[in-house]
Amino acid sequence: MAIGFMEVQLVKAKGLRNTDIFGKMDPYVLIQYNGQEKRSKVADGQGKNPVWNERFIFKVEYPGSNDQHKLIFKIMDKDLFKDDFVGEAIIHVGDLLAQGVENGGAKLQTLKYRVVRANKSYCGEIDVGVTFTPKVEDKFAEEQIGGWKESDNYLA
């Protein structure tokens, strides 16, 4: 099993469905991956076309069950009493992780992903980039356990 880090670059959204009757909505994003959740800053007053330009890091174990290899972006509108659900986008990253394990890293350039409402109707797009970097094991630790270290001590 490989362990690594997935960096998610949340750039912006465009053409979101406005949930506020008066004024502009204040969108933010909940990013979920395999039981981990991160929250973006609130794009105060940016309405249907918010810009975040934020970076988030998730710990990743690969392989695992296929269902766990998806990033979920839930776009919410910050309101005084109850935040409104705007829509969500899902990115399946299993192939990216497999490629990253094989090649020592992998990257999905920033792309546009469809944002859909609960009824699966289109309600805008979100721009996201994803990079996966496997954790490199420390090879020096293995060398110090046996062989040379013991021989040096024996000769001393």
C-alpha atoms as a PDB file:
ATOM      1  CA  MET A   1       0.000   0.000   0.000  1.00  0.00           C
ATOM      2  CA  ALA A   2       1.300   3.441  -0.950  1.00  0.00           C
ATOM      3  CA  ILE A   3       0.773   6.477   1.232  1.00  0.00           C
ATOM      4  CA  GLY A   4       1.010   9.998  -0.099  1.00  0.00           C
ATOM      5  CA  PHE A   5      -0.469  13.442  -0.279  1.00  0.00           C
ATOM      6  CA  MET A   6      -3.057  14.832  -2.652  1.00  0.00           C
ATOM      7  CA  GLU A   7      -2.956  18.579  -3.185  1.00  0.00           C
ATOM      8  CA  VAL A   8      -6.206  20.143  -4.361  1.00  0.00           C
ATOM      9  CA  GLN A   9      -6.069  23.581  -5.961  1.00  0.00           C
ATOM     10  CA  LEU A  10      -9.511  25.190  -5.705  1.00  0.00           C
ATOM     11  CA  VAL A  11      -9.465  28.058  -8.191  1.00  0.00           C
ATOM     12  CA  LYS A  12     -12.935  29.434  -8.939  1.00  0.00           C
ATOM     13  CA  ALA A  13     -16.496  28.703  -9.994  1.00  0.00           C
ATOM     14  CA  LYS A  14     -18.578  30.189 -12.775  1.00  0.00           C
ATOM     15  CA  GLY A  15     -22.277  30.435 -13.564  1.00  0.00           C
ATOM     16  CA  LEU A  16     -23.505  29.048 -10.247  1.00  0.00           C
ATOM     17  CA  ARG A  17     -27.211  29.051  -9.463  1.00  0.00           C
ATOM     18  CA  ASN A  18     -27.892  31.998  -7.151  1.00  0.00           C
ATOM     19  CA  THR A  19     -29.646  30.896  -3.965  1.00  0.00           C
ATOM     20  CA  ASP A  20     -30.182  34.410  -2.564  1.00  0.00           C
ATOM     21  CA  ILE A  21     -33.324  36.316  -3.435  1.00  0.00           C
ATOM     22  CA  PHE A  22     -31.843  39.678  -2.436  1.00  0.00           C
ATOM     23  CA  GLY A  23     -28.195  40.529  -3.071  1.00  0.00           C
ATOM     24  CA  LYS A  24     -25.344  38.245  -4.007  1.00  0.00           C
ATOM     25  CA  MET A  25     -24.623  34.914  -2.396  1.00  0.00           C
ATOM     26  CA  ASP A  26     -21.472  34.235  -0.346  1.00  0.00           C
ATOM     27  CA  PRO A  27     -20.229  30.849  -1.598  1.00  0.00           C
ATOM     28  CA  TYR A  28     -17.745  28.502   0.032  1.00  0.00           C
ATOM     29  CA  VAL A  29     -16.760  24.907  -0.707  1.00  0.00           C
ATOM     30  CA  LEU A  30     -16.652  21.803   1.472  1.00  0.00           C
ATOM     31  CA  ILE A  31     -14.096  19.402  -0.011  1.00  0.00           C
ATOM     32  CA  GLN A  32     -14.420  15.782   1.078  1.00  0.00           C
ATOM     33  CA  TYR A  33     -12.096  12.851   0.489  1.00  0.00           C
ATOM     34  CA  ASN A  34     -12.254   9.488   2.252  1.00  0.00           C
ATOM     35  CA  GLY A  35     -13.601  10.761   5.574  1.00  0.00           C
ATOM     36  CA  GLN A  36     -11.499  13.961   5.525  1.00  0.00           C
ATOM     37  CA  GLU A  37     -13.142  17.339   5.051  1.00  0.00           C
ATOM     38  CA  LYS A  38     -11.680  20.784   4.341  1.00  0.00           C
ATOM     39  CA  ARG A  39     -13.514  24.072   4.016  1.00  0.00           C
ATOM     40  CA  SER A  40     -12.616  27.002   1.781  1.00  0.00           C
ATOM     41  CA  LYS A  41     -12.859  30.603   2.810  1.00  0.00           C
ATOM     42  CA  VAL A  42     -16.180  32.335   2.148  1.00  0.00           C
ATOM     43  CA  ALA A  43     -16.142  34.388  -1.068  1.00  0.00           C
ATOM     44  CA  ASP A  44     -18.092  37.301   0.448  1.00  0.00           C
ATOM     45  CA  GLY A  45     -20.459  38.933  -2.021  1.00  0.00           C
ATOM     46  CA  GLN A  46     -18.902  37.249  -5.074  1.00  0.00           C
ATOM     47  CA  GLY A  47     -22.221  35.739  -6.138  1.00  0.00           C
ATOM     48  CA  LYS A  48     -22.372  33.327  -9.076  1.00  0.00           C
ATOM     49  CA  ASN A  49     -18.687  33.673 -10.079  1.00  0.00           C
ATOM     50  CA  PRO A  50     -16.558  33.297  -6.921  1.00  0.00           C
ATOM     51  CA  VAL A  51     -12.755  33.085  -6.852  1.00  0.00           C
ATOM     52  CA  TRP A  52     -10.981  31.232  -4.027  1.00  0.00           C
ATOM     53  CA  ASN A  53      -7.428  30.386  -5.200  1.00  0.00           C
ATOM     54  CA  GLU A  54      -6.863  28.088  -2.231  1.00  0.00           C
ATOM     55  CA  ARG A  55      -4.812  24.935  -1.754  1.00  0.00           C
ATOM     56  CA  PHE A  56      -5.742  21.934   0.408  1.00  0.00           C
ATOM     57  CA  ILE A  57      -3.776  18.799   1.326  1.00  0.00           C
ATOM     58  CA  PHE A  58      -5.336  15.374   1.910  1.00  0.00           C
ATOM     59  CA  LYS A  59      -3.609  12.236   3.169  1.00  0.00           C
ATOM     60  CA  VAL A  60      -4.053   9.356   0.724  1.00  0.00           C
ATOM     61  CA  GLU A  61      -3.691   5.582   0.953  1.00  0.00           C
ATOM     62  CA  TYR A  62      -3.640   3.657  -2.310  1.00  0.00           C
ATOM     63  CA  PRO A  63      -4.971   1.149  -3.206  1.00  0.00           C
ATOM     64  CA  GLY A  64      -8.149   0.861  -1.239  1.00  0.00           C
ATOM     65  CA  SER A  65     -11.799   0.473  -2.056  1.00  0.00           C
ATOM     66  CA  ASN A  66     -12.707   2.167  -5.347  1.00  0.00           C
ATOM     67  CA  ASP A  67     -15.472   4.132  -3.700  1.00  0.00           C
ATOM     68  CA  GLN A  68     -13.031   6.061  -1.535  1.00  0.00           C
ATOM     69  CA  HIS A  69     -11.081   7.549  -4.451  1.00  0.00           C
ATOM     70  CA  LYS A  70     -13.371  10.454  -5.189  1.00  0.00           C
ATOM     71  CA  LEU A  71     -13.141  14.111  -4.318  1.00  0.00           C
ATOM     72  CA  ILE A  72     -16.491  15.720  -3.545  1.00  0.00           C
ATOM     73  CA  PHE A  73     -16.882  19.497  -3.816  1.00  0.00           C
ATOM     74  CA  LYS A  74     -20.054  20.737  -2.109  1.00  0.00           C
ATOM     75  CA  ILE A  75     -20.658  24.387  -2.890  1.00  0.00           C
ATOM     76  CA  MET A  76     -22.591  26.156  -0.170  1.00  0.00           C
ATOM     77  CA  ASP A  77     -23.968  29.684   0.255  1.00  0.00           C
ATOM     78  CA  LYS A  78     -23.186  31.209   3.663  1.00  0.00           C
ATOM     79  CA  ASP A  79     -26.336  32.641   5.171  1.00  0.00           C
ATOM     80  CA  LEU A  80     -27.237  34.106   8.545  1.00  0.00           C
ATOM     81  CA  PHE A  81     -29.390  31.215   9.802  1.00  0.00           C
ATOM     82  CA  LYS A  82     -28.911  28.186   7.534  1.00  0.00           C
ATOM     83  CA  ASP A  83     -26.386  27.776   4.716  1.00  0.00           C
ATOM     84  CA  ASP A  84     -27.900  26.831   1.347  1.00  0.00           C
ATOM     85  CA  PHE A  85     -26.689  23.930  -0.814  1.00  0.00           C
ATOM     86  CA  VAL A  86     -25.789  25.336  -4.249  1.00  0.00           C
ATOM     87  CA  GLY A  87     -24.502  22.196  -5.975  1.00  0.00           C
ATOM     88  CA  GLU A  88     -21.685  19.667  -6.076  1.00  0.00           C
ATOM     89  CA  ALA A  89     -18.998  18.287  -8.334  1.00  0.00           C
ATOM     90  CA  ILE A  90     -17.311  14.887  -8.018  1.00  0.00           C
ATOM     91  CA  ILE A  91     -13.866  14.011  -9.350  1.00  0.00           C
ATOM     92  CA  HIS A  92     -12.827  10.360  -9.462  1.00  0.00           C
ATOM     93  CA  VAL A  93      -9.086  10.258  -8.715  1.00  0.00           C
ATOM     94  CA  GLY A  94      -8.346   6.498  -8.690  1.00  0.00           C
ATOM     95  CA  ASP A  95      -6.507   6.609 -12.042  1.00  0.00           C
ATOM     96  CA  LEU A  96      -4.514   9.655 -10.928  1.00  0.00           C
ATOM     97  CA  LEU A  97      -3.420   7.841  -7.754  1.00  0.00           C
ATOM     98  CA  ALA A  98      -2.455   4.697  -9.686  1.00  0.00           C
ATOM     99  CA  GLN A  99      -0.397   6.764 -12.114  1.00  0.00           C
ATOM    100  CA  GLY A 100       1.216   8.650  -9.227  1.00  0.00           C
ATOM    101  CA  VAL A 101       2.238   5.446  -7.464  1.00  0.00           C
ATOM    102  CA  GLU A 102       3.692   4.059 -10.703  1.00  0.00           C
ATOM    103  CA  ASN A 103       5.497   7.246 -11.809  1.00  0.00           C
ATOM    104  CA  GLY A 104       6.397   8.847  -8.486  1.00  0.00           C
ATOM    105  CA  GLY A 105       3.712  11.542  -8.861  1.00  0.00           C
ATOM    106  CA  ALA A 106       0.842  12.634 -11.080  1.00  0.00           C
ATOM    107  CA  LYS A 107      -1.038  15.825 -11.840  1.00  0.00           C
ATOM    108  CA  LEU A 108      -4.437  16.804 -13.216  1.00  0.00           C
ATOM    109  CA  GLN A 109      -4.084  20.287 -14.686  1.00  0.00           C
ATOM    110  CA  THR A 110      -6.724  22.786 -13.636  1.00  0.00           C
ATOM    111  CA  LEU A 111      -9.923  21.774 -15.420  1.00  0.00           C
ATOM    112  CA  LYS A 112     -13.581  22.765 -15.364  1.00  0.00           C
ATOM    113  CA  TYR A 113     -15.984  20.289 -13.738  1.00  0.00           C
ATOM    114  CA  ARG A 114     -19.771  20.348 -13.898  1.00  0.00           C
ATOM    115  CA  VAL A 115     -21.605  21.414 -10.773  1.00  0.00           C
ATOM    116  CA  VAL A 116     -24.987  19.723 -10.377  1.00  0.00           C
ATOM    117  CA  ARG A 117     -27.873  20.173  -7.982  1.00  0.00           C
ATOM    118  CA  ALA A 118     -29.430  17.346  -5.951  1.00  0.00           C
ATOM    119  CA  ASN A 119     -31.671  16.466  -8.924  1.00  0.00           C
ATOM    120  CA  LYS A 120     -28.525  16.211 -11.145  1.00  0.00           C
ATOM    121  CA  SER A 121     -29.427  19.319 -13.171  1.00  0.00           C
ATOM    122  CA  TYR A 122     -26.518  21.507 -14.298  1.00  0.00           C
ATOM    123  CA  CYS A 123     -25.938  24.641 -12.229  1.00  0.00           C
ATOM    124  CA  GLY A 124     -22.457  25.916 -13.139  1.00  0.00           C
ATOM    125  CA  GLU A 125     -18.840  24.800 -13.209  1.00  0.00           C
ATOM    126  CA  ILE A 126     -15.874  24.728 -10.847  1.00  0.00           C
ATOM    127  CA  ASP A 127     -12.164  24.967 -11.743  1.00  0.00           C
ATOM    128  CA  VAL A 128      -9.952  22.533  -9.836  1.00  0.00           C
ATOM    129  CA  GLY A 129      -6.453  21.062 -10.182  1.00  0.00           C
ATOM    130  CA  VAL A 130      -5.200  17.952  -8.359  1.00  0.00           C
ATOM    131  CA  THR A 131      -1.667  16.669  -7.713  1.00  0.00           C
ATOM    132  CA  PHE A 132      -0.716  13.375  -6.036  1.00  0.00           C
ATOM    133  CA  THR A 133       2.722  12.769  -4.541  1.00  0.00           C
ATOM    134  CA  PRO A 134       3.540   9.417  -2.937  1.00  0.00           C
ATOM    135  CA  LYS A 135       5.538   9.591   0.279  1.00  0.00           C
ATOM    136  CA  VAL A 136       9.133   8.555  -0.374  1.00  0.00           C
ATOM    137  CA  GLU A 137      10.434   6.032   2.115  1.00  0.00           C
ATOM    138  CA  ASP A 138      13.699   6.842   3.844  1.00  0.00           C
ATOM    139  CA  LYS A 139      16.207   4.378   2.396  1.00  0.00           C
ATOM    140  CA  PHE A 140      18.963   5.467   4.781  1.00  0.00           C
ATOM    141  CA  ALA A 141      17.017   4.160   7.775  1.00  0.00           C
ATOM    142  CA  GLU A 142      17.151   0.631   6.312  1.00  0.00           C
ATOM    143  CA  GLU A 143      20.913   0.847   5.711  1.00  0.00           C
ATOM    144  CA  GLN A 144      21.590   1.854   9.297  1.00  0.00           C
ATOM    145  CA  ILE A 145      19.778  -1.184  10.685  1.00  0.00           C
ATOM    146  CA  GLY A 146      22.128  -3.854   9.420  1.00  0.00           C
ATOM    147  CA  GLY A 147      25.441  -4.484   7.753  1.00  0.00           C
ATOM    148  CA  TRP A 148      27.707  -1.485   7.680  1.00  0.00           C
ATOM    149  CA  LYS A 149      26.858   0.082  11.009  1.00  0.00           C
ATOM    150  CA  GLU A 150      27.451  -3.186  12.838  1.00  0.00           C
ATOM    151  CA  SER A 151      30.707  -3.775  10.963  1.00  0.00           C
ATOM    152  CA  ASP A 152      31.990  -0.311  11.878  1.00  0.00           C
ATOM    153  CA  ASN A 153      31.230  -0.913  15.548  1.00  0.00           C
ATOM    154  CA  TYR A 154      32.883  -4.330  15.401  1.00  0.00           C
ATOM    155  CA  LEU A 155      36.113  -2.884  14.047  1.00  0.00           C
ATOM    156  CA  ALA A 156      36.275  -0.050  16.561  1.00  0.00           C
END
